[in-house]
């Protein structure tokens, strides 16, 4: 007897059925817990992540990466990872939190773009975890990216959600810990500590007087000198 052939999951109709099934699962989740508020525990959040990830993967196969449906799932899934990471930070589990903030940032970069505010905030959150873990090599490029975007005017003052002062403080401290010049775009090491006379909290250090003068306009904006 010849066995009946089964449809491959790549078949359009099968994909549609899988997608509908996942949507129904997601709607049930949303009914149970609309906002994923602060009372939701880690186990529940991780269960949500599995459902959201399934929905995203199926939506991409049916509608494509950049469809409104897929981008909605990117936001939902990245928000769930952000919530798990925040919960882990509150519990002092920073290494685990870094994994979820990393996933959140990757999702938002790919789906929403580097200049999306959600992406920028994910970048700040991950850099803060690495900074608190004293992983300055990992924190430095993230802090630098955020400061560069602010300096270039990629987002407005009102958009920064009062994050910039803390980011600048970590950025300056990180550069000092790594013995790197505080000028953006300068890769020179600090051979001696030439400190900006107007910076005290945090202090900032430069590789040379010429570098400080050449970059002072940008430095003044970032460190909010009057």
C-alpha atoms as a PDB file:
ATOM      1  CA  UNK A   1       0.000   0.000   0.000  1.00  0.00           C
ATOM      2  CA  UNK A   2       1.390   3.391  -0.969  1.00  0.00           C
ATOM      3  CA  UNK A   3       1.441   5.941   1.843  1.00  0.00           C
ATOM      4  CA  UNK A   4      -0.472   9.162   1.223  1.00  0.00           C
ATOM      5  CA  UNK A   5       1.627  12.202   0.477  1.00  0.00           C
ATOM      6  CA  UNK A   6       1.587  14.977   3.076  1.00  0.00           C
ATOM      7  CA  UNK A   7       1.723  18.652   2.269  1.00  0.00           C
ATOM      8  CA  UNK A   8       5.001  20.370   2.988  1.00  0.00           C
ATOM      9  CA  UNK A   9       4.779  23.320   5.442  1.00  0.00           C
ATOM     10  CA  UNK A  10       6.076  25.586   2.667  1.00  0.00           C
ATOM     11  CA  UNK A  11       2.843  25.059   0.717  1.00  0.00           C
ATOM     12  CA  UNK A  12       0.974  28.430   0.708  1.00  0.00           C
ATOM     13  CA  UNK A  13      -2.276  27.026   2.023  1.00  0.00           C
ATOM     14  CA  UNK A  14      -0.555  25.139   4.832  1.00  0.00           C
ATOM     15  CA  UNK A  15       1.385  28.282   5.780  1.00  0.00           C
ATOM     16  CA  UNK A  16      -1.879  30.243   5.893  1.00  0.00           C
ATOM     17  CA  UNK A  17      -3.453  27.661   8.172  1.00  0.00           C
ATOM     18  CA  UNK A  18      -0.431  27.741  10.498  1.00  0.00           C
ATOM     19  CA  UNK A  19      -0.603  31.528  10.521  1.00  0.00           C
ATOM     20  CA  UNK A  20      -4.311  31.529  11.391  1.00  0.00           C
ATOM     21  CA  UNK A  21      -3.654  29.021  14.183  1.00  0.00           C
ATOM     22  CA  UNK A  22      -0.872  31.218  15.598  1.00  0.00           C
ATOM     23  CA  UNK A  23      -3.046  34.329  15.369  1.00  0.00           C
ATOM     24  CA  UNK A  24      -5.771  32.575  17.346  1.00  0.00           C
ATOM     25  CA  UNK A  25      -3.189  31.591  19.963  1.00  0.00           C
ATOM     26  CA  UNK A  26      -1.975  35.171  20.151  1.00  0.00           C
ATOM     27  CA  UNK A  27      -5.506  36.558  20.491  1.00  0.00           C
ATOM     28  CA  UNK A  28      -6.117  34.204  23.397  1.00  0.00           C
ATOM     29  CA  UNK A  29      -2.928  35.443  25.044  1.00  0.00           C
ATOM     30  CA  UNK A  30      -3.967  39.063  24.507  1.00  0.00           C
ATOM     31  CA  UNK A  31      -7.386  38.373  26.015  1.00  0.00           C
ATOM     32  CA  UNK A  32      -5.738  36.772  29.044  1.00  0.00           C
ATOM     33  CA  UNK A  33      -3.230  39.574  29.547  1.00  0.00           C
ATOM     34  CA  UNK A  34      -3.661  42.643  27.356  1.00  0.00           C
ATOM     35  CA  UNK A  35      -0.773  44.824  28.498  1.00  0.00           C
ATOM     36  CA  UNK A  36       1.719  42.371  30.022  1.00  0.00           C
ATOM     37  CA  UNK A  37       1.626  44.571  33.116  1.00  0.00           C
ATOM     38  CA  UNK A  38       4.074  44.474  36.023  1.00  0.00           C
ATOM     39  CA  UNK A  39       2.263  41.555  37.670  1.00  0.00           C
ATOM     40  CA  UNK A  40       3.231  39.158  34.876  1.00  0.00           C
ATOM     41  CA  UNK A  41       5.977  36.806  36.060  1.00  0.00           C
ATOM     42  CA  UNK A  42       9.087  35.589  34.237  1.00  0.00           C
ATOM     43  CA  UNK A  43       7.629  32.162  33.374  1.00  0.00           C
ATOM     44  CA  UNK A  44       4.540  33.706  31.760  1.00  0.00           C
ATOM     45  CA  UNK A  45       6.623  36.206  29.824  1.00  0.00           C
ATOM     46  CA  UNK A  46       8.851  33.451  28.441  1.00  0.00           C
ATOM     47  CA  UNK A  47       5.765  31.481  27.386  1.00  0.00           C
ATOM     48  CA  UNK A  48       4.556  34.602  25.573  1.00  0.00           C
ATOM     49  CA  UNK A  49       7.919  34.902  23.797  1.00  0.00           C
ATOM     50  CA  UNK A  50       7.520  31.418  22.296  1.00  0.00           C
ATOM     51  CA  UNK A  51       4.060  32.292  20.939  1.00  0.00           C
ATOM     52  CA  UNK A  52       5.151  35.701  19.627  1.00  0.00           C
ATOM     53  CA  UNK A  53       8.207  34.185  17.931  1.00  0.00           C
ATOM     54  CA  UNK A  54       6.059  31.544  16.212  1.00  0.00           C
ATOM     55  CA  UNK A  55       3.667  34.237  15.008  1.00  0.00           C
ATOM     56  CA  UNK A  56       6.514  36.392  13.710  1.00  0.00           C
ATOM     57  CA  UNK A  57       8.168  33.544  11.810  1.00  0.00           C
ATOM     58  CA  UNK A  58       4.883  32.484  10.224  1.00  0.00           C
ATOM     59  CA  UNK A  59       3.934  36.073   9.392  1.00  0.00           C
ATOM     60  CA  UNK A  60       7.278  36.553   7.632  1.00  0.00           C
ATOM     61  CA  UNK A  61       6.760  33.390   5.579  1.00  0.00           C
ATOM     62  CA  UNK A  62       3.238  34.484   4.598  1.00  0.00           C
ATOM     63  CA  UNK A  63       3.495  38.281   4.326  1.00  0.00           C
ATOM     64  CA  UNK A  64       7.249  39.051   4.147  1.00  0.00           C
ATOM     65  CA  UNK A  65       9.745  40.787   6.459  1.00  0.00           C
ATOM     66  CA  UNK A  66       8.498  44.343   6.019  1.00  0.00           C
ATOM     67  CA  UNK A  67       4.748  43.799   6.111  1.00  0.00           C
ATOM     68  CA  UNK A  68       2.723  45.671   8.732  1.00  0.00           C
ATOM     69  CA  UNK A  69       1.767  42.326  10.283  1.00  0.00           C
ATOM     70  CA  UNK A  70       5.390  41.204  10.651  1.00  0.00           C
ATOM     71  CA  UNK A  71       6.522  44.562  12.045  1.00  0.00           C
ATOM     72  CA  UNK A  72       3.730  44.412  14.615  1.00  0.00           C
ATOM     73  CA  UNK A  73       5.043  41.059  15.807  1.00  0.00           C
ATOM     74  CA  UNK A  74       8.596  42.452  15.905  1.00  0.00           C
ATOM     75  CA  UNK A  75       7.392  45.144  18.307  1.00  0.00           C
ATOM     76  CA  UNK A  76       5.417  42.684  20.425  1.00  0.00           C
ATOM     77  CA  UNK A  77       8.261  40.162  20.620  1.00  0.00           C
ATOM     78  CA  UNK A  78      10.953  42.771  21.305  1.00  0.00           C
ATOM     79  CA  UNK A  79       8.775  44.326  24.033  1.00  0.00           C
ATOM     80  CA  UNK A  80       8.418  40.929  25.694  1.00  0.00           C
ATOM     81  CA  UNK A  81      12.211  40.437  25.689  1.00  0.00           C
ATOM     82  CA  UNK A  82      12.588  43.956  27.079  1.00  0.00           C
ATOM     83  CA  UNK A  83      10.140  43.142  29.891  1.00  0.00           C
ATOM     84  CA  UNK A  84      11.957  39.904  30.769  1.00  0.00           C
ATOM     85  CA  UNK A  85      15.310  41.727  30.797  1.00  0.00           C
ATOM     86  CA  UNK A  86      13.938  44.487  33.041  1.00  0.00           C
ATOM     87  CA  UNK A  87      12.591  41.864  35.436  1.00  0.00           C
ATOM     88  CA  UNK A  88      15.988  40.136  35.521  1.00  0.00           C
ATOM     89  CA  UNK A  89      17.780  43.443  36.164  1.00  0.00           C
ATOM     90  CA  UNK A  90      15.505  44.042  39.169  1.00  0.00           C
ATOM     91  CA  UNK A  91      16.565  40.622  40.450  1.00  0.00           C
ATOM     92  CA  UNK A  92      20.253  41.397  39.904  1.00  0.00           C
ATOM     93  CA  UNK A  93      20.605  38.757  37.151  1.00  0.00           C
ATOM     94  CA  UNK A  94      22.498  41.063  34.815  1.00  0.00           C
ATOM     95  CA  UNK A  95      24.153  38.476  32.560  1.00  0.00           C
ATOM     96  CA  UNK A  96      20.779  36.904  31.765  1.00  0.00           C
ATOM     97  CA  UNK A  97      19.272  40.361  31.275  1.00  0.00           C
ATOM     98  CA  UNK A  98      22.002  41.181  28.744  1.00  0.00           C
ATOM     99  CA  UNK A  99      20.921  38.196  26.612  1.00  0.00           C
ATOM    100  CA  UNK A 100      17.317  39.414  26.422  1.00  0.00           C
ATOM    101  CA  UNK A 101      18.280  43.063  25.835  1.00  0.00           C
ATOM    102  CA  UNK A 102      20.577  41.830  23.033  1.00  0.00           C
ATOM    103  CA  UNK A 103      17.704  39.944  21.393  1.00  0.00           C
ATOM    104  CA  UNK A 104      15.446  42.967  21.827  1.00  0.00           C
ATOM    105  CA  UNK A 105      18.015  45.238  20.172  1.00  0.00           C
ATOM    106  CA  UNK A 106      18.623  42.801  17.285  1.00  0.00           C
ATOM    107  CA  UNK A 107      14.887  42.515  16.602  1.00  0.00           C
ATOM    108  CA  UNK A 108      14.381  46.260  16.626  1.00  0.00           C
ATOM    109  CA  UNK A 109      17.438  46.981  14.466  1.00  0.00           C
ATOM    110  CA  UNK A 110      16.301  44.508  11.813  1.00  0.00           C
ATOM    111  CA  UNK A 111      12.592  45.248  11.908  1.00  0.00           C
ATOM    112  CA  UNK A 112      12.317  48.902  12.934  1.00  0.00           C
ATOM    113  CA  UNK A 113      15.650  50.429  11.910  1.00  0.00           C
ATOM    114  CA  UNK A 114      18.617  51.932  13.746  1.00  0.00           C
ATOM    115  CA  UNK A 115      16.991  55.354  14.235  1.00  0.00           C
ATOM    116  CA  UNK A 116      13.708  54.115  15.714  1.00  0.00           C
ATOM    117  CA  UNK A 117      13.330  55.361  19.290  1.00  0.00           C
ATOM    118  CA  UNK A 118      12.576  51.842  20.495  1.00  0.00           C
ATOM    119  CA  UNK A 119      15.896  50.726  18.994  1.00  0.00           C
ATOM    120  CA  UNK A 120      17.739  53.591  20.653  1.00  0.00           C
ATOM    121  CA  UNK A 121      16.237  52.825  24.056  1.00  0.00           C
ATOM    122  CA  UNK A 122      17.120  49.133  23.664  1.00  0.00           C
ATOM    123  CA  UNK A 123      20.663  50.217  22.845  1.00  0.00           C
ATOM    124  CA  UNK A 124      20.815  52.331  26.029  1.00  0.00           C
ATOM    125  CA  UNK A 125      19.411  49.526  28.179  1.00  0.00           C
ATOM    126  CA  UNK A 126      21.936  46.990  26.900  1.00  0.00           C
ATOM    127  CA  UNK A 127      24.833  49.416  27.290  1.00  0.00           C
ATOM    128  CA  UNK A 128      23.765  50.103  30.902  1.00  0.00           C
ATOM    129  CA  UNK A 129      23.800  46.394  31.737  1.00  0.00           C
ATOM    130  CA  UNK A 130      27.260  45.922  30.218  1.00  0.00           C
ATOM    131  CA  UNK A 131      28.488  49.023  32.043  1.00  0.00           C
ATOM    132  CA  UNK A 132      27.198  47.718  35.381  1.00  0.00           C
ATOM    133  CA  UNK A 133      28.861  44.377  34.630  1.00  0.00           C
ATOM    134  CA  UNK A 134      32.052  46.399  34.075  1.00  0.00           C
ATOM    135  CA  UNK A 135      32.224  45.011  30.535  1.00  0.00           C
ATOM    136  CA  UNK A 136      33.547  48.280  29.138  1.00  0.00           C
ATOM    137  CA  UNK A 137      34.663  46.800  25.809  1.00  0.00           C
ATOM    138  CA  UNK A 138      31.062  45.788  25.099  1.00  0.00           C
ATOM    139  CA  UNK A 139      29.469  48.915  26.539  1.00  0.00           C
ATOM    140  CA  UNK A 140      31.704  51.408  24.716  1.00  0.00           C
ATOM    141  CA  UNK A 141      30.485  50.900  21.101  1.00  0.00           C
ATOM    142  CA  UNK A 142      26.845  50.992  22.210  1.00  0.00           C
ATOM    143  CA  UNK A 143      27.324  54.172  24.228  1.00  0.00           C
ATOM    144  CA  UNK A 144      29.309  55.726  21.393  1.00  0.00           C
ATOM    145  CA  UNK A 145      26.575  54.914  18.862  1.00  0.00           C
ATOM    146  CA  UNK A 146      23.879  56.570  20.984  1.00  0.00           C
ATOM    147  CA  UNK A 147      25.987  59.684  21.628  1.00  0.00           C
ATOM    148  CA  UNK A 148      26.888  59.942  17.922  1.00  0.00           C
ATOM    149  CA  UNK A 149      23.223  59.780  16.923  1.00  0.00           C
ATOM    150  CA  UNK A 150      22.343  62.491  19.417  1.00  0.00           C
ATOM    151  CA  UNK A 151      25.262  64.653  18.310  1.00  0.00           C
ATOM    152  CA  UNK A 152      24.249  64.288  14.654  1.00  0.00           C
ATOM    153  CA  UNK A 153      20.711  65.421  15.477  1.00  0.00           C
ATOM    154  CA  UNK A 154      19.159  62.051  14.604  1.00  0.00           C
ATOM    155  CA  UNK A 155      16.544  62.534  17.317  1.00  0.00           C
ATOM    156  CA  UNK A 156      15.189  65.508  19.217  1.00  0.00           C
ATOM    157  CA  UNK A 157      15.854  66.603  22.775  1.00  0.00           C
ATOM    158  CA  UNK A 158      12.301  65.666  23.771  1.00  0.00           C
ATOM    159  CA  UNK A 159      12.820  62.176  22.332  1.00  0.00           C
ATOM    160  CA  UNK A 160      15.714  61.223  24.562  1.00  0.00           C
ATOM    161  CA  UNK A 161      13.496  60.558  27.593  1.00  0.00           C
ATOM    162  CA  UNK A 162      16.090  62.133  29.922  1.00  0.00           C
ATOM    163  CA  UNK A 163      18.498  59.299  29.129  1.00  0.00           C
ATOM    164  CA  UNK A 164      21.311  61.420  27.701  1.00  0.00           C
ATOM    165  CA  UNK A 165      22.920  62.635  30.976  1.00  0.00           C
ATOM    166  CA  UNK A 166      23.298  59.053  32.231  1.00  0.00           C
ATOM    167  CA  UNK A 167      24.533  57.877  28.838  1.00  0.00           C
ATOM    168  CA  UNK A 168      27.114  60.687  28.654  1.00  0.00           C
ATOM    169  CA  UNK A 169      28.330  59.894  32.161  1.00  0.00           C
ATOM    170  CA  UNK A 170      28.773  56.206  31.307  1.00  0.00           C
ATOM    171  CA  UNK A 171      30.326  57.102  27.945  1.00  0.00           C
ATOM    172  CA  UNK A 172      32.982  59.343  29.553  1.00  0.00           C
ATOM    173  CA  UNK A 173      33.710  56.842  32.331  1.00  0.00           C
ATOM    174  CA  UNK A 174      33.883  53.967  29.862  1.00  0.00           C
ATOM    175  CA  UNK A 175      36.359  55.817  27.636  1.00  0.00           C
ATOM    176  CA  UNK A 176      38.485  56.652  30.683  1.00  0.00           C
ATOM    177  CA  UNK A 177      38.453  53.042  31.927  1.00  0.00           C
ATOM    178  CA  UNK A 178      39.576  51.902  28.468  1.00  0.00           C
ATOM    179  CA  UNK A 179      42.179  54.715  28.322  1.00  0.00           C
ATOM    180  CA  UNK A 180      40.560  56.114  25.172  1.00  0.00           C
ATOM    181  CA  UNK A 181      40.140  59.700  24.009  1.00  0.00           C
ATOM    182  CA  UNK A 182      36.670  61.157  24.653  1.00  0.00           C
ATOM    183  CA  UNK A 183      36.358  62.712  21.186  1.00  0.00           C
ATOM    184  CA  UNK A 184      33.871  60.899  18.972  1.00  0.00           C
ATOM    185  CA  UNK A 185      35.631  59.305  16.033  1.00  0.00           C
ATOM    186  CA  UNK A 186      39.035  59.410  17.736  1.00  0.00           C
ATOM    187  CA  UNK A 187      40.591  56.004  18.366  1.00  0.00           C
ATOM    188  CA  UNK A 188      43.718  57.322  20.109  1.00  0.00           C
ATOM    189  CA  UNK A 189      44.742  56.048  23.514  1.00  0.00           C
ATOM    190  CA  UNK A 190      45.326  58.381  26.418  1.00  0.00           C
ATOM    191  CA  UNK A 191      49.051  58.799  26.958  1.00  0.00           C
ATOM    192  CA  UNK A 192      48.357  61.447  29.592  1.00  0.00           C
ATOM    193  CA  UNK A 193      45.145  62.673  31.163  1.00  0.00           C
ATOM    194  CA  UNK A 194      44.243  65.992  29.576  1.00  0.00           C
ATOM    195  CA  UNK A 195      40.919  66.868  31.177  1.00  0.00           C
ATOM    196  CA  UNK A 196      38.296  69.256  29.821  1.00  0.00           C
ATOM    197  CA  UNK A 197      38.271  72.240  32.225  1.00  0.00           C
ATOM    198  CA  UNK A 198      34.457  72.452  32.163  1.00  0.00           C
ATOM    199  CA  UNK A 199      33.711  68.773  32.783  1.00  0.00           C
ATOM    200  CA  UNK A 200      33.654  67.538  36.355  1.00  0.00           C
ATOM    201  CA  UNK A 201      30.661  65.223  36.662  1.00  0.00           C
ATOM    202  CA  UNK A 202      31.560  63.289  34.645  1.00  0.00           C
ATOM    203  CA  UNK A 203      35.150  64.309  33.832  1.00  0.00           C
ATOM    204  CA  UNK A 204      36.258  63.828  30.225  1.00  0.00           C
ATOM    205  CA  UNK A 205      39.786  63.240  28.956  1.00  0.00           C
ATOM    206  CA  UNK A 206      41.439  63.804  25.573  1.00  0.00           C
ATOM    207  CA  UNK A 207      44.499  62.535  23.750  1.00  0.00           C
ATOM    208  CA  UNK A 208      45.831  66.005  22.862  1.00  0.00           C
ATOM    209  CA  UNK A 209      45.072  69.709  22.993  1.00  0.00           C
ATOM    210  CA  UNK A 210      44.629  69.776  19.210  1.00  0.00           C
ATOM    211  CA  UNK A 211      42.049  66.963  19.336  1.00  0.00           C
ATOM    212  CA  UNK A 212      40.164  68.740  22.116  1.00  0.00           C
ATOM    213  CA  UNK A 213      40.037  72.025  20.186  1.00  0.00           C
ATOM    214  CA  UNK A 214      39.060  70.378  16.900  1.00  0.00           C
ATOM    215  CA  UNK A 215      36.141  68.549  18.509  1.00  0.00           C
ATOM    216  CA  UNK A 216      35.075  71.069  21.127  1.00  0.00           C
ATOM    217  CA  UNK A 217      31.897  72.203  19.335  1.00  0.00           C
ATOM    218  CA  UNK A 218      30.613  68.634  19.286  1.00  0.00           C
ATOM    219  CA  UNK A 219      31.880  67.986  22.816  1.00  0.00           C
ATOM    220  CA  UNK A 220      30.102  71.110  24.105  1.00  0.00           C
ATOM    221  CA  UNK A 221      26.775  69.905  22.705  1.00  0.00           C
ATOM    222  CA  UNK A 222      27.109  66.405  24.097  1.00  0.00           C
ATOM    223  CA  UNK A 223      28.241  67.449  27.586  1.00  0.00           C
ATOM    224  CA  UNK A 224      25.800  70.388  27.727  1.00  0.00           C
ATOM    225  CA  UNK A 225      28.307  73.153  28.386  1.00  0.00           C
ATOM    226  CA  UNK A 226      26.726  76.575  28.728  1.00  0.00           C
END
